[in-house]
Amino acid sequence: MTRTPRFARALLIGFAVLAAVPSAWGWGCKGHQIVALIAEQHMTAHARDATLQILAASPIDPSLARYCQPIVPDPFADSSTWADDERKVKPDTGPWHFVDIPRSARESDIAKYCPPVTGCVTSALADEVRILRDPKAAPQARADALRFLIHFVGDIHQPLHSTTNNDLGGNCVPVAFFDRAPVESKPLSGVFYPNLHEVWDVEIVEHFSPGEPASQVAKKLDQKFSAKESAWESQPADFPAWAWESHQLAESTVYGRLPHAIPIQTPRSITSCADDASRAAMSQLDEKLGDDYQNAAAPVAQEQLAKAGVRLAALLNSIWR
């Protein structure tokens, strides 16, 4: 998919606006908090103290509207959802949450789907690490970088933040989830709820942990994947590799386990789910997701959440050795 820088900026910022609604937030409130809480359990005392000092020195602006309520008292976990609120007032940060890798792409092509004019999640992660490693960076810049980092490590592990099929990362794919039929949010908008992205952000997580607080789920997932965590911790941070790993999971499970196969589309640029060709194709879908899909998806989501938390801790530990 070839995109000129100017059009890429318009496309990605357009997706940023779409993604500003809660249903398009990678992992949702609960998922991002789970990632942060798992990370805290794997951080060294030095790294934990350093991060808390940075966050305390430049706290979140109390005037910023926060979607996730109630505000959690743990500043590290609370920071995990700040980037979604921040992009409402700074929409240029929207493209930093994802990388639109077409389903037909090759791993060697990842870089071309991260336009320098807008950035993407892989470049944003690298930028935030550089700021945190810079002893001359201003306190507010370091706090913002840390909050972005906590969030973006979560985002890159959500498979639909590293994939697209001319559907804005699954946001344009209407699905029925158990007893909830898809309903178009506004006439001719092309945005339905539930949609595939929302299901992976929120519904799957809540379905395997109904009513459980993030702290309890984090503890369970940390224990469940304890045998794999040392391997995750020992791997160097490779953001393009993380994105490709998520991309492959999107292919094998997110799309691969749908009741009705959605063909891989020839990549093209769309700016919204109301795009005529996209809307016409999506309106023909009849995806009813129930136990079979949930049973296939839940283990993937659980492992990605745990992996994100452990990798986030290892990354922060490497910054504050």
Protein backbone atom coordinates (compact mmCIF):
# COMPACT_ATOMS: atom_id res chain seq x y z
CA MET A 1 0.00 0.00 0.00
CA THR A 2 1.64 3.22 -1.16
CA ARG A 3 0.83 6.39 0.73
CA THR A 4 2.20 9.86 0.18
CA PRO A 5 3.28 11.55 3.44
CA ARG A 6 0.50 14.16 3.27
CA PHE A 7 -2.21 11.59 2.66
CA ALA A 8 -0.72 9.25 5.24
CA ARG A 9 -1.00 12.00 7.79
CA ALA A 10 -4.63 12.63 6.91
CA LEU A 11 -5.43 8.93 6.99
CA LEU A 12 -3.74 8.18 10.27
CA ILE A 13 -5.01 11.26 12.05
CA GLY A 14 -8.46 10.36 10.74
CA PHE A 15 -8.07 6.96 12.37
CA ALA A 16 -6.85 8.67 15.51
CA VAL A 17 -10.12 10.57 15.71
CA LEU A 18 -12.07 7.36 15.17
CA ALA A 19 -9.94 5.57 17.72
CA ALA A 20 -10.56 8.27 20.30
CA VAL A 21 -13.87 6.64 21.18
CA PRO A 22 -13.63 4.17 24.06
CA SER A 23 -14.41 1.13 21.89
CA ALA A 24 -11.22 1.65 19.90
CA TRP A 25 -8.86 1.89 22.85
CA GLY A 26 -6.28 -0.89 22.84
CA TRP A 27 -7.30 -3.32 25.63
CA GLY A 28 -9.63 -0.79 27.26
CA CYS A 29 -9.26 0.42 30.84
CA LYS A 30 -9.04 -3.00 32.42
CA GLY A 31 -6.57 -4.44 29.96
CA HIS A 32 -4.13 -1.54 30.15
CA GLN A 33 -4.27 -1.56 33.94
CA ILE A 34 -3.58 -5.31 33.93
CA VAL A 35 -0.44 -4.75 31.83
CA ALA A 36 0.79 -2.03 34.20
CA LEU A 37 0.08 -4.05 37.33
CA ILE A 38 1.93 -7.09 35.98
CA ALA A 39 4.85 -4.85 35.03
CA GLU A 40 5.07 -3.47 38.56
CA GLN A 41 5.54 -6.98 39.93
CA HIS A 42 8.56 -7.53 37.66
CA MET A 43 10.30 -4.19 38.02
CA THR A 44 13.38 -3.82 40.16
CA ALA A 45 13.09 -1.64 43.25
CA HIS A 46 15.35 0.93 41.58
CA ALA A 47 13.23 1.10 38.43
CA ARG A 48 10.01 1.26 40.43
CA ASP A 49 11.30 4.11 42.58
CA ALA A 50 12.57 6.00 39.53
CA THR A 51 9.26 5.75 37.69
CA LEU A 52 7.22 6.79 40.71
CA GLN A 53 9.47 9.80 41.26
CA ILE A 54 9.04 10.89 37.65
CA LEU A 55 5.27 10.51 37.80
CA ALA A 56 5.01 12.33 41.14
CA ALA A 57 7.16 15.24 39.93
CA SER A 58 4.81 15.90 36.97
CA PRO A 59 1.37 14.53 37.82
CA ILE A 60 -1.47 14.19 35.34
CA ASP A 61 -3.23 17.49 34.69
CA PRO A 62 -6.31 17.40 36.96
CA SER A 63 -8.31 19.25 34.29
CA LEU A 64 -7.80 16.43 31.77
CA ALA A 65 -11.05 14.52 31.25
CA ARG A 66 -10.44 10.90 32.21
CA TYR A 67 -12.54 8.16 30.66
CA CYS A 68 -11.50 5.33 32.96
CA GLN A 69 -13.31 5.66 36.27
CA PRO A 70 -12.81 5.50 39.13
CA ILE A 71 -9.26 6.81 39.03
CA VAL A 72 -7.03 4.10 40.42
CA PRO A 73 -4.80 5.19 43.32
CA ASP A 74 -1.69 3.49 41.92
CA PRO A 75 -0.04 6.23 39.77
CA PHE A 76 1.71 3.68 37.56
CA ALA A 77 -1.52 1.82 36.76
CA ASP A 78 -3.41 5.11 36.40
CA SER A 79 -0.80 6.26 33.87
CA SER A 80 -1.58 3.24 31.68
CA THR A 81 -4.74 4.86 30.29
CA TRP A 82 -3.58 8.49 30.18
CA ALA A 83 -2.46 8.37 26.52
CA ASP A 84 -6.01 7.69 25.33
CA ASP A 85 -7.30 10.74 27.19
CA GLU A 86 -4.36 12.85 26.04
CA ARG A 87 -5.00 12.23 22.36
CA LYS A 88 -8.36 13.94 22.66
CA VAL A 89 -6.53 17.21 23.24
CA LYS A 90 -3.47 16.29 21.14
CA PRO A 91 -4.84 14.37 18.14
CA ASP A 92 -1.42 14.31 16.48
CA THR A 93 -0.52 11.60 19.00
CA GLY A 94 -3.28 9.34 17.67
CA PRO A 95 -1.17 7.54 15.04
CA TRP A 96 1.36 6.62 17.72
CA HIS A 97 -1.02 3.98 19.11
CA PHE A 98 -0.87 1.55 16.16
CA VAL A 99 0.85 0.50 12.95
CA ASP A 100 -1.38 -0.38 10.01
CA ILE A 101 0.31 -3.47 8.58
CA PRO A 102 -1.90 -4.94 5.83
CA ARG A 103 -2.77 -8.59 6.17
CA SER A 104 -0.94 -9.27 2.91
CA ALA A 105 2.30 -7.60 4.02
CA ARG A 106 5.68 -9.23 4.59
CA GLU A 107 7.70 -8.74 7.76
CA SER A 108 10.42 -6.98 5.79
CA ASP A 109 7.89 -4.32 4.77
CA ILE A 110 6.95 -3.14 8.28
CA ALA A 111 8.97 0.08 8.11
CA LYS A 112 7.02 1.46 5.16
CA TYR A 113 3.79 1.35 7.16
CA CYS A 114 5.24 3.74 9.74
CA PRO A 115 5.32 7.09 7.92
CA PRO A 116 7.88 9.51 9.42
CA VAL A 117 5.42 12.38 9.06
CA THR A 118 3.02 10.85 11.58
CA GLY A 119 4.94 8.10 13.33
CA CYS A 120 3.41 4.88 14.56
CA VAL A 121 3.58 2.71 17.66
CA THR A 122 7.02 1.28 16.88
CA SER A 123 8.64 4.67 16.30
CA ALA A 124 6.77 6.23 19.22
CA LEU A 125 8.09 3.57 21.59
CA ALA A 126 11.65 4.23 20.42
CA ASP A 127 11.14 7.98 20.86
CA GLU A 128 9.82 7.63 24.41
CA VAL A 129 12.74 5.41 25.40
CA ARG A 130 15.18 8.02 24.08
CA ILE A 131 13.52 10.73 26.16
CA LEU A 132 13.61 8.61 29.30
CA ARG A 133 17.30 7.86 28.76
CA ASP A 134 18.11 11.55 28.29
CA PRO A 135 19.26 13.06 31.61
CA LYS A 136 18.71 16.55 30.18
CA ALA A 137 15.05 15.97 29.30
CA ALA A 138 12.60 18.23 31.13
CA PRO A 139 10.63 16.62 33.99
CA GLN A 140 7.30 17.00 32.17
CA ALA A 141 8.74 15.48 28.99
CA ARG A 142 10.02 12.49 30.94
CA ALA A 143 6.69 11.99 32.69
CA ASP A 144 4.80 12.17 29.41
CA ALA A 145 7.28 9.76 27.80
CA LEU A 146 6.84 7.29 30.65
CA ARG A 147 3.05 7.44 30.47
CA PHE A 148 3.14 6.98 26.71
CA LEU A 149 5.54 4.06 27.07
CA ILE A 150 3.35 2.27 29.62
CA HIS A 151 0.38 2.60 27.29
CA PHE A 152 2.06 1.87 23.96
CA VAL A 153 3.65 -1.37 25.16
CA GLY A 154 0.10 -2.48 25.89
CA ASP A 155 -1.17 -1.26 22.52
CA ILE A 156 1.46 -3.02 20.44
CA HIS A 157 0.48 -6.34 22.03
CA GLN A 158 -3.16 -5.96 20.98
CA PRO A 159 -3.19 -7.78 17.63
CA LEU A 160 -5.49 -5.30 15.90
CA HIS A 161 -3.10 -2.44 16.66
CA SER A 162 -0.64 -4.03 14.22
CA THR A 163 -3.01 -5.09 11.45
CA THR A 164 -5.51 -3.77 8.96
CA ASN A 165 -7.59 -5.27 6.16
CA ASN A 166 -8.98 -2.00 4.75
CA ASP A 167 -11.03 -1.98 7.97
CA LEU A 168 -9.12 0.42 10.25
CA GLY A 169 -7.80 -2.36 12.44
CA GLY A 170 -11.13 -4.17 12.68
CA ASN A 171 -13.07 -1.06 13.70
CA CYS A 172 -15.15 -1.37 10.52
CA VAL A 173 -15.99 -5.06 10.99
CA PRO A 174 -19.45 -5.48 12.58
CA VAL A 175 -19.81 -8.58 14.72
CA ALA A 176 -22.39 -10.09 17.01
CA PHE A 177 -20.83 -11.01 20.33
CA PHE A 178 -22.88 -13.62 22.16
CA ASP A 179 -26.29 -11.97 22.59
CA ARG A 180 -25.28 -8.52 21.36
CA ALA A 181 -26.12 -7.81 17.73
CA PRO A 182 -24.17 -5.09 15.92
CA VAL A 183 -25.90 -1.72 15.68
CA GLU A 184 -24.68 1.15 13.53
CA SER A 185 -23.70 4.06 15.76
CA LYS A 186 -24.98 6.71 13.34
CA PRO A 187 -26.78 6.30 10.02
CA LEU A 188 -24.32 5.64 7.17
CA SER A 189 -21.33 5.95 9.52
CA GLY A 190 -20.14 2.41 8.87
CA VAL A 191 -19.23 2.11 12.56
CA PHE A 192 -21.03 -0.69 14.34
CA TYR A 193 -20.99 -1.79 17.96
CA PRO A 194 -19.89 -4.42 18.68
CA ASN A 195 -17.12 -4.44 16.11
CA LEU A 196 -14.08 -6.67 15.88
CA HIS A 197 -11.70 -4.11 17.38
CA GLU A 198 -13.99 -3.41 20.33
CA VAL A 199 -14.39 -7.11 21.02
CA TRP A 200 -10.62 -7.50 21.31
CA ASP A 201 -10.17 -4.32 23.29
CA VAL A 202 -12.83 -4.97 25.90
CA GLU A 203 -15.29 -7.81 25.43
CA ILE A 204 -12.93 -10.79 25.39
CA VAL A 205 -11.09 -9.56 28.47
CA GLU A 206 -14.29 -8.90 30.39
CA HIS A 207 -15.77 -12.24 29.31
CA PHE A 208 -12.89 -14.24 30.81
CA SER A 209 -12.82 -12.07 33.95
CA PRO A 210 -16.40 -10.91 34.52
CA GLY A 211 -16.57 -8.34 37.30
CA GLU A 212 -13.03 -9.02 38.49
CA PRO A 213 -10.83 -6.00 39.26
CA ALA A 214 -7.71 -5.50 37.18
CA SER A 215 -5.51 -6.24 40.19
CA GLN A 216 -7.01 -9.70 40.63
CA VAL A 217 -6.77 -10.53 36.93
CA ALA A 218 -3.16 -9.32 36.81
CA LYS A 219 -2.25 -11.62 39.68
CA LYS A 220 -3.91 -14.61 38.01
CA LEU A 221 -2.26 -14.01 34.63
CA ASP A 222 1.13 -13.45 36.26
CA GLN A 223 0.83 -16.85 37.92
CA LYS A 224 -0.58 -18.56 34.83
CA PHE A 225 2.34 -17.57 32.61
CA SER A 226 5.11 -17.72 35.20
CA ALA A 227 6.90 -20.50 33.30
CA LYS A 228 7.28 -18.30 30.22
CA GLU A 229 8.15 -15.02 31.92
CA SER A 230 11.88 -15.51 32.29
CA ALA A 231 12.19 -16.01 28.53
CA TRP A 232 10.16 -12.87 27.86
CA GLU A 233 12.28 -10.90 30.32
CA SER A 234 15.53 -12.00 28.72
CA GLN A 235 14.60 -10.93 25.20
CA PRO A 236 15.83 -7.50 24.07
CA ALA A 237 13.15 -4.94 23.30
CA ASP A 238 12.49 -5.19 19.55
CA PHE A 239 9.46 -3.07 18.73
CA PRO A 240 9.08 -4.08 15.05
CA ALA A 241 9.33 -7.73 16.10
CA TRP A 242 6.63 -7.18 18.73
CA ALA A 243 4.39 -5.58 16.11
CA TRP A 244 4.94 -8.46 13.69
CA GLU A 245 4.22 -11.00 16.41
CA SER A 246 0.89 -9.28 17.08
CA HIS A 247 0.24 -9.07 13.35
CA GLN A 248 0.64 -12.84 13.02
CA LEU A 249 -1.74 -13.42 15.92
CA ALA A 250 -4.28 -11.22 14.17
CA GLU A 251 -3.99 -13.42 11.11
CA SER A 252 -4.10 -16.76 12.94
CA THR A 253 -6.71 -15.95 15.56
CA VAL A 254 -8.43 -12.56 15.24
CA TYR A 255 -9.33 -13.12 11.59
CA GLY A 256 -8.39 -16.79 11.35
CA ARG A 257 -10.95 -18.01 13.88
CA LEU A 258 -13.90 -15.98 12.61
CA PRO A 259 -16.91 -18.15 11.72
CA HIS A 260 -16.85 -16.80 8.17
CA ALA A 261 -13.47 -16.15 6.58
CA ILE A 262 -12.92 -12.54 5.54
CA PRO A 263 -10.78 -12.46 2.39
CA ILE A 264 -7.47 -10.63 2.51
CA GLN A 265 -8.07 -7.34 0.75
CA THR A 266 -5.77 -5.61 -1.71
CA PRO A 267 -4.44 -2.76 0.43
CA ARG A 268 -5.87 0.67 -0.28
CA SER A 269 -6.29 3.86 1.66
CA ILE A 270 -9.52 4.50 3.51
CA THR A 271 -10.18 7.34 5.90
CA SER A 272 -13.27 6.08 7.71
CA CYS A 273 -15.69 3.19 7.96
CA ALA A 274 -18.10 5.27 5.87
CA ASP A 275 -15.87 4.77 2.82
CA ASP A 276 -18.32 3.50 0.21
CA ALA A 277 -16.42 0.40 -0.89
CA SER A 278 -15.51 -0.53 2.66
CA ARG A 279 -19.02 -0.04 3.97
CA ALA A 280 -20.53 -2.08 1.14
CA ALA A 281 -18.17 -4.98 1.84
CA MET A 282 -18.61 -4.89 5.61
CA SER A 283 -22.40 -4.72 5.43
CA GLN A 284 -22.39 -8.21 3.89
CA LEU A 285 -20.63 -9.78 6.87
CA ASP A 286 -22.52 -12.04 9.23
CA GLU A 287 -20.01 -12.74 11.97
CA LYS A 288 -21.60 -14.23 15.06
CA LEU A 289 -19.00 -14.72 17.78
CA GLY A 290 -19.81 -17.02 20.66
CA ASP A 291 -18.15 -19.71 22.74
CA ASP A 292 -15.97 -21.12 19.95
CA TYR A 293 -14.44 -17.76 19.17
CA GLN A 294 -14.09 -16.74 22.81
CA ASN A 295 -12.39 -20.03 23.66
CA ALA A 296 -9.87 -19.47 20.87
CA ALA A 297 -9.34 -15.79 21.56
CA ALA A 298 -9.14 -15.69 25.36
CA PRO A 299 -5.84 -17.62 25.70
CA VAL A 300 -4.24 -15.34 23.09
CA ALA A 301 -5.47 -12.19 24.81
CA GLN A 302 -4.35 -13.47 28.20
CA GLU A 303 -0.85 -14.30 27.00
CA GLN A 304 -0.50 -10.97 25.20
CA LEU A 305 -1.50 -9.07 28.33
CA ALA A 306 0.97 -11.00 30.48
CA LYS A 307 3.72 -10.71 27.88
CA ALA A 308 3.16 -6.95 27.57
CA GLY A 309 3.47 -6.51 31.33
CA VAL A 310 6.65 -8.54 31.61
CA ARG A 311 8.23 -6.87 28.58
CA LEU A 312 7.32 -3.43 29.89
CA ALA A 313 9.04 -4.22 33.18
CA ALA A 314 12.15 -5.52 31.41
CA LEU A 315 12.29 -2.38 29.28
CA LEU A 316 12.04 -0.08 32.30
CA ASN A 317 14.56 -2.17 34.20
CA SER A 318 17.00 -1.71 31.33
CA ILE A 319 16.58 2.06 31.51
CA TRP A 320 17.21 2.20 35.25
CA ARG A 321 19.80 -0.49 35.86
